[in-house]
């Protein structure tokens, strides 16, 4: 009988329960390990072996923890989310104990860790990007907002680091009043942000840009160990309605960017519209939370990526436009189990 492949997902987002489900459908047996500092993460219950991990280790100490975990559990493939860059820098140490890392090389991770540096790399690769201003002071903020509003657009901001839309805000001149107490309103006053930037002793690094309307296109890419794209397909989002696209105006720039940065394994590039053309708004050096939706296209990129990490050959696969035309769907909440309240998070190691 073929021995199982042992895959470990460290502290990751809840949607990776679906990544685990994709591994369950593999042609070979897979044993999934998952760890998290939150004992209620559904990823722990979805795994074969789910348990706590230290909550407050700095990056170098976390790498030591991860090496020890991989050695003790004979992990074949490690998909790092937390401290991805530090783990990637220690790739030779993981390989020495027989663990393959399912993440791009450290250089690609470092480039796109900062959205500001990432945009510079995207520009260098010749891909379209939206206008943006890097701001750290009230004066820089006000100048950027004046420029955007002067051109008839709405300004928004986001931190130069972060994931999942954390810190994204739409900027407004409108004072907070009774009408803004109704419904969902995530706007923040320009004056409030300027005041926050003026507080001494805090280093704030933001990007200010025009607010970009949908539809959004999120392109998933599977690349080989050298960063050569093998499978590229786009997921469209227009309100609740979802679908897929094989349009080259989205796929070809991703192939170029992934190849230029040697972004191995799984990555994700997001587009929105600016002045009638798609522009890159974000690059993720990890599998997207929505990767599992590609099963509607007959793809299992999660298992393909594990196979690549194991050194196996995975053929390039094009997704014809006709194969995804007409596939439309939406997403709804579901129920996921959690582990019983038995395990405590281990204390921080020295």
Foldseek 3Di string as FASTA:
>chain_A
DDDAAEEEEEADALLCLLLLVLQPPDPGHYAYEYEHQDQFRLNQVSGNHYYYAADDDPLVVVLVVVLVVCLVVVHQEYEYDPSVLSNLVCQVSNVVSRYFYLFFHNQLCVQQQFQVSVVVLLVVLVFFAFDKFKDLALVSLVVLQCVQVVVVFWKWKAARHDDDCPRTETEDCDDDDDVPVDDDHRHDYSVVVNVVSPDPPDTGIMMMGGDFDDFKKKKKFAAFQQQQTQEIWIWTDDPQKIFTAQDCLPGVSVRSSSNVRSLHGIKMWMWTDDPHGTGTDHIGRHHDSCPSVCVLLVDSSSVVSSCSSSVHDDHRDYRDRVSGPPDMDGDDDDDGDGDPPDHHHDHDDD
